[in-house]
Amino acid sequence: MNPQQILYDILHRTTPCYMTIRPSGIDLGNKRKLLPAIDCKILNFMAEKTLYRKRRLVCRLMNSANAFDESKGNCRQCLDRHRCIDLIGLDLLFENRRYRLCLAHRSAKNFLIYTSKIVEQKIEIHTIDTKLVVVNRGSWGELRFYRADITPSPEN
């Protein structure tokens, strides 16, 4: 393997891409067909905040440390901070590639329920494979989380 290919492989595996949940499946953003479910490893999760105006991203606070738009200053100075949406950010590993996924509302609640069950079992989340399953809710997709080694029950 030549040095350029090695460098490409390193960047390909370490630079996260965004994963999007659609009503009919998971969009990996690389023109693949939507996947109804995937088995992946959750590397990390963190609290995030996002501010939208007219459906456009204005500011994002990732890892509860750095604001997306540094020119706006920090969150304490922002007059719109009460309009921010609380999210959970996930860093995932799927097919030897890192992905980032932002969860809101019901999908975030499902993730918190899943992690509480994992903690009860005294398991660290990054040591097991997790199955992400999309449930079609019409105009949006709800994400559900299961241990990949346990078959989920058919529920909607």
C-alpha atoms as a PDB file:
ATOM      1  CA  MET A   1       0.000   0.000   0.000  1.00  0.00           C
ATOM      2  CA  ASN A   2       1.390   3.403  -0.939  1.00  0.00           C
ATOM      3  CA  PRO A   3       1.741   6.245   1.629  1.00  0.00           C
ATOM      4  CA  GLN A   4      -1.074   8.286   0.064  1.00  0.00           C
ATOM      5  CA  GLN A   5      -3.489   5.370   0.439  1.00  0.00           C
ATOM      6  CA  ILE A   6      -2.453   4.893   4.076  1.00  0.00           C
ATOM      7  CA  LEU A   7      -3.104   8.588   4.806  1.00  0.00           C
ATOM      8  CA  TYR A   8      -6.481   8.412   3.046  1.00  0.00           C
ATOM      9  CA  ASP A   9      -7.466   5.352   5.108  1.00  0.00           C
ATOM     10  CA  ILE A  10      -6.484   7.081   8.366  1.00  0.00           C
ATOM     11  CA  LEU A  11      -8.508  10.213   7.516  1.00  0.00           C
ATOM     12  CA  HIS A  12     -11.427   8.122   6.263  1.00  0.00           C
ATOM     13  CA  ARG A  13     -11.625   6.217   9.553  1.00  0.00           C
ATOM     14  CA  THR A  14     -11.064   9.131  11.942  1.00  0.00           C
ATOM     15  CA  THR A  15     -13.070  11.992  10.394  1.00  0.00           C
ATOM     16  CA  PRO A  16     -16.715  11.622  11.390  1.00  0.00           C
ATOM     17  CA  CYS A  17     -19.529  12.007   8.873  1.00  0.00           C
ATOM     18  CA  TYR A  18     -23.056  12.925   9.851  1.00  0.00           C
ATOM     19  CA  MET A  19     -25.731  10.260   9.874  1.00  0.00           C
ATOM     20  CA  THR A  20     -29.352  11.399   9.366  1.00  0.00           C
ATOM     21  CA  ILE A  21     -32.527   9.629  10.428  1.00  0.00           C
ATOM     22  CA  ARG A  22     -35.284   9.683   7.802  1.00  0.00           C
ATOM     23  CA  PRO A  23     -38.780   8.144   8.159  1.00  0.00           C
ATOM     24  CA  SER A  24     -37.793   5.147   6.032  1.00  0.00           C
ATOM     25  CA  GLY A  25     -34.265   4.565   7.306  1.00  0.00           C
ATOM     26  CA  ILE A  26     -30.780   5.757   8.177  1.00  0.00           C
ATOM     27  CA  ASP A  27     -29.084   8.048   5.649  1.00  0.00           C
ATOM     28  CA  LEU A  28     -25.299   7.701   5.738  1.00  0.00           C
ATOM     29  CA  GLY A  29     -24.908  10.643   3.374  1.00  0.00           C
ATOM     30  CA  ASN A  30     -22.912   8.861   0.677  1.00  0.00           C
ATOM     31  CA  LYS A  31     -25.701   8.065  -1.808  1.00  0.00           C
ATOM     32  CA  ARG A  32     -26.297   4.604  -0.356  1.00  0.00           C
ATOM     33  CA  LYS A  33     -29.835   3.369  -0.021  1.00  0.00           C
ATOM     34  CA  LEU A  34     -31.477   4.060   3.325  1.00  0.00           C
ATOM     35  CA  LEU A  35     -30.881   1.370   5.920  1.00  0.00           C
ATOM     36  CA  PRO A  36     -33.838   0.400   8.169  1.00  0.00           C
ATOM     37  CA  ALA A  37     -31.444  -0.748  10.935  1.00  0.00           C
ATOM     38  CA  ILE A  38     -27.712  -0.985  11.636  1.00  0.00           C
ATOM     39  CA  ASP A  39     -25.454  -2.668  14.177  1.00  0.00           C
ATOM     40  CA  CYS A  40     -22.830  -0.207  15.396  1.00  0.00           C
ATOM     41  CA  LYS A  41     -20.664   0.661  18.355  1.00  0.00           C
ATOM     42  CA  ILE A  42     -21.379   3.799  20.388  1.00  0.00           C
ATOM     43  CA  LEU A  43     -17.996   5.391  21.063  1.00  0.00           C
ATOM     44  CA  ASN A  44     -19.173   8.425  23.006  1.00  0.00           C
ATOM     45  CA  PHE A  45     -22.234  10.522  23.786  1.00  0.00           C
ATOM     46  CA  MET A  46     -22.594  14.086  25.010  1.00  0.00           C
ATOM     47  CA  ALA A  47     -25.109  16.863  25.625  1.00  0.00           C
ATOM     48  CA  GLU A  48     -25.543  19.394  22.822  1.00  0.00           C
ATOM     49  CA  LYS A  49     -27.664  22.476  22.199  1.00  0.00           C
ATOM     50  CA  THR A  50     -28.794  23.771  18.831  1.00  0.00           C
ATOM     51  CA  LEU A  51     -30.499  27.008  17.809  1.00  0.00           C
ATOM     52  CA  TYR A  52     -32.534  27.190  14.597  1.00  0.00           C
ATOM     53  CA  ARG A  53     -34.276  30.186  13.033  1.00  0.00           C
ATOM     54  CA  LYS A  54     -36.668  29.586  10.143  1.00  0.00           C
ATOM     55  CA  ARG A  55     -35.394  25.984   9.892  1.00  0.00           C
ATOM     56  CA  ARG A  56     -31.786  27.160   9.446  1.00  0.00           C
ATOM     57  CA  LEU A  57     -28.978  26.337  11.849  1.00  0.00           C
ATOM     58  CA  VAL A  58     -27.807  29.477  13.648  1.00  0.00           C
ATOM     59  CA  CYS A  59     -25.645  28.107  16.441  1.00  0.00           C
ATOM     60  CA  ARG A  60     -24.600  24.730  17.825  1.00  0.00           C
ATOM     61  CA  LEU A  61     -23.003  24.031  21.163  1.00  0.00           C
ATOM     62  CA  MET A  62     -21.213  20.692  20.831  1.00  0.00           C
ATOM     63  CA  ASN A  63     -19.633  18.778  23.693  1.00  0.00           C
ATOM     64  CA  SER A  64     -20.982  21.471  26.023  1.00  0.00           C
ATOM     65  CA  ALA A  65     -17.785  23.420  25.364  1.00  0.00           C
ATOM     66  CA  ASN A  66     -17.484  25.241  22.036  1.00  0.00           C
ATOM     67  CA  ALA A  67     -20.207  27.157  20.228  1.00  0.00           C
ATOM     68  CA  PHE A  68     -20.596  26.520  16.472  1.00  0.00           C
ATOM     69  CA  ASP A  69     -20.673  30.256  15.751  1.00  0.00           C
ATOM     70  CA  GLU A  70     -17.814  31.768  17.762  1.00  0.00           C
ATOM     71  CA  SER A  71     -18.705  35.323  16.647  1.00  0.00           C
ATOM     72  CA  LYS A  72     -21.854  35.158  18.792  1.00  0.00           C
ATOM     73  CA  GLY A  73     -19.830  34.672  21.981  1.00  0.00           C
ATOM     74  CA  ASN A  74     -20.792  32.109  24.573  1.00  0.00           C
ATOM     75  CA  CYS A  75     -24.247  30.860  25.538  1.00  0.00           C
ATOM     76  CA  ARG A  76     -24.540  32.953  28.693  1.00  0.00           C
ATOM     77  CA  GLN A  77     -24.413  36.142  26.579  1.00  0.00           C
ATOM     78  CA  CYS A  78     -26.942  34.908  24.008  1.00  0.00           C
ATOM     79  CA  LEU A  79     -30.419  36.436  24.203  1.00  0.00           C
ATOM     80  CA  ASP A  80     -31.903  33.478  22.262  1.00  0.00           C
ATOM     81  CA  ARG A  81     -30.579  30.716  24.516  1.00  0.00           C
ATOM     82  CA  HIS A  82     -34.110  29.894  25.742  1.00  0.00           C
ATOM     83  CA  ARG A  83     -34.960  28.872  22.143  1.00  0.00           C
ATOM     84  CA  CYS A  84     -32.189  26.275  21.982  1.00  0.00           C
ATOM     85  CA  ILE A  85     -33.100  22.626  21.506  1.00  0.00           C
ATOM     86  CA  ASP A  86     -31.440  20.125  23.819  1.00  0.00           C
ATOM     87  CA  LEU A  87     -29.868  17.252  21.900  1.00  0.00           C
ATOM     88  CA  ILE A  88     -27.781  14.192  22.565  1.00  0.00           C
ATOM     89  CA  GLY A  89     -24.778  13.811  20.292  1.00  0.00           C
ATOM     90  CA  LEU A  90     -23.543  10.296  19.540  1.00  0.00           C
ATOM     91  CA  ASP A  91     -20.200   9.264  18.074  1.00  0.00           C
ATOM     92  CA  LEU A  92     -20.715   5.926  16.350  1.00  0.00           C
ATOM     93  CA  LEU A  93     -18.546   3.363  14.605  1.00  0.00           C
ATOM     94  CA  PHE A  94     -20.234   1.604  11.669  1.00  0.00           C
ATOM     95  CA  GLU A  95     -18.377  -0.418   9.023  1.00  0.00           C
ATOM     96  CA  ASN A  96     -15.018   0.877  10.357  1.00  0.00           C
ATOM     97  CA  ARG A  97     -16.116   4.484   9.839  1.00  0.00           C
ATOM     98  CA  ARG A  98     -16.927   7.146  12.441  1.00  0.00           C
ATOM     99  CA  TYR A  99     -20.307   8.840  12.260  1.00  0.00           C
ATOM    100  CA  ARG A 100     -21.940  11.559  14.310  1.00  0.00           C
ATOM    101  CA  LEU A 101     -25.643  11.544  15.052  1.00  0.00           C
ATOM    102  CA  CYS A 102     -27.713  14.185  16.870  1.00  0.00           C
ATOM    103  CA  LEU A 103     -30.777  12.929  18.726  1.00  0.00           C
ATOM    104  CA  ALA A 104     -33.738  15.038  19.771  1.00  0.00           C
ATOM    105  CA  HIS A 105     -37.103  14.457  21.407  1.00  0.00           C
ATOM    106  CA  ARG A 106     -38.346  10.849  21.349  1.00  0.00           C
ATOM    107  CA  SER A 107     -35.142   9.359  19.910  1.00  0.00           C
ATOM    108  CA  ALA A 108     -33.144  11.055  22.679  1.00  0.00           C
ATOM    109  CA  LYS A 109     -35.582   9.690  25.273  1.00  0.00           C
ATOM    110  CA  ASN A 110     -35.224   6.187  23.782  1.00  0.00           C
ATOM    111  CA  PHE A 111     -31.440   6.501  23.996  1.00  0.00           C
ATOM    112  CA  LEU A 112     -31.585   7.541  27.661  1.00  0.00           C
ATOM    113  CA  ILE A 113     -33.828   4.570  28.458  1.00  0.00           C
ATOM    114  CA  TYR A 114     -31.414   2.248  26.613  1.00  0.00           C
ATOM    115  CA  THR A 115     -28.337   3.600  28.410  1.00  0.00           C
ATOM    116  CA  SER A 116     -30.044   3.303  31.805  1.00  0.00           C
ATOM    117  CA  LYS A 117     -30.675  -0.400  31.117  1.00  0.00           C
ATOM    118  CA  ILE A 118     -27.039  -0.867  30.074  1.00  0.00           C
ATOM    119  CA  VAL A 119     -25.825   0.868  33.246  1.00  0.00           C
ATOM    120  CA  GLU A 120     -28.087  -1.350  35.383  1.00  0.00           C
ATOM    121  CA  GLN A 121     -26.315  -4.356  33.863  1.00  0.00           C
ATOM    122  CA  LYS A 122     -22.959  -2.776  34.785  1.00  0.00           C
ATOM    123  CA  ILE A 123     -21.847  -2.704  31.135  1.00  0.00           C
ATOM    124  CA  GLU A 124     -19.940   0.142  29.508  1.00  0.00           C
ATOM    125  CA  ILE A 125     -21.769   1.208  26.370  1.00  0.00           C
ATOM    126  CA  HIS A 126     -18.650   1.378  24.181  1.00  0.00           C
ATOM    127  CA  THR A 127     -17.878  -2.306  24.871  1.00  0.00           C
ATOM    128  CA  ILE A 128     -21.019  -3.699  23.181  1.00  0.00           C
ATOM    129  CA  ASP A 129     -22.629  -3.486  19.762  1.00  0.00           C
ATOM    130  CA  THR A 130     -25.885  -1.557  19.577  1.00  0.00           C
ATOM    131  CA  LYS A 131     -28.671  -2.031  17.044  1.00  0.00           C
ATOM    132  CA  LEU A 132     -30.281   1.203  15.824  1.00  0.00           C
ATOM    133  CA  VAL A 133     -33.754   0.637  14.360  1.00  0.00           C
ATOM    134  CA  VAL A 134     -35.826   3.308  12.600  1.00  0.00           C
ATOM    135  CA  VAL A 135     -39.584   3.403  13.181  1.00  0.00           C
ATOM    136  CA  ASN A 136     -41.470   5.334  10.490  1.00  0.00           C
ATOM    137  CA  ARG A 137     -43.627   8.038  12.110  1.00  0.00           C
ATOM    138  CA  GLY A 138     -44.883   9.573   8.864  1.00  0.00           C
ATOM    139  CA  SER A 139     -42.945  12.830   8.490  1.00  0.00           C
ATOM    140  CA  TRP A 140     -40.084  11.790  10.798  1.00  0.00           C
ATOM    141  CA  GLY A 141     -38.178   8.719  11.893  1.00  0.00           C
ATOM    142  CA  GLU A 142     -37.992   7.576  15.499  1.00  0.00           C
ATOM    143  CA  LEU A 143     -34.794   5.796  16.501  1.00  0.00           C
ATOM    144  CA  ARG A 144     -34.850   2.852  18.893  1.00  0.00           C
ATOM    145  CA  PHE A 145     -31.848   1.242  20.537  1.00  0.00           C
ATOM    146  CA  TYR A 146     -31.224  -2.419  21.369  1.00  0.00           C
ATOM    147  CA  ARG A 147     -28.262  -4.585  22.237  1.00  0.00           C
ATOM    148  CA  ALA A 148     -27.181  -6.101  18.916  1.00  0.00           C
ATOM    149  CA  ASP A 149     -26.784  -9.566  20.476  1.00  0.00           C
ATOM    150  CA  ILE A 150     -30.421  -9.583  21.705  1.00  0.00           C
ATOM    151  CA  THR A 151     -33.322  -9.722  19.240  1.00  0.00           C
ATOM    152  CA  PRO A 152     -35.736  -6.800  19.791  1.00  0.00           C
ATOM    153  CA  SER A 153     -39.422  -7.484  20.338  1.00  0.00           C
ATOM    154  CA  PRO A 154     -41.739  -6.385  17.480  1.00  0.00           C
ATOM    155  CA  GLU A 155     -43.280  -3.188  18.916  1.00  0.00           C
ATOM    156  CA  ASN A 156     -44.334   0.116  17.352  1.00  0.00           C
END
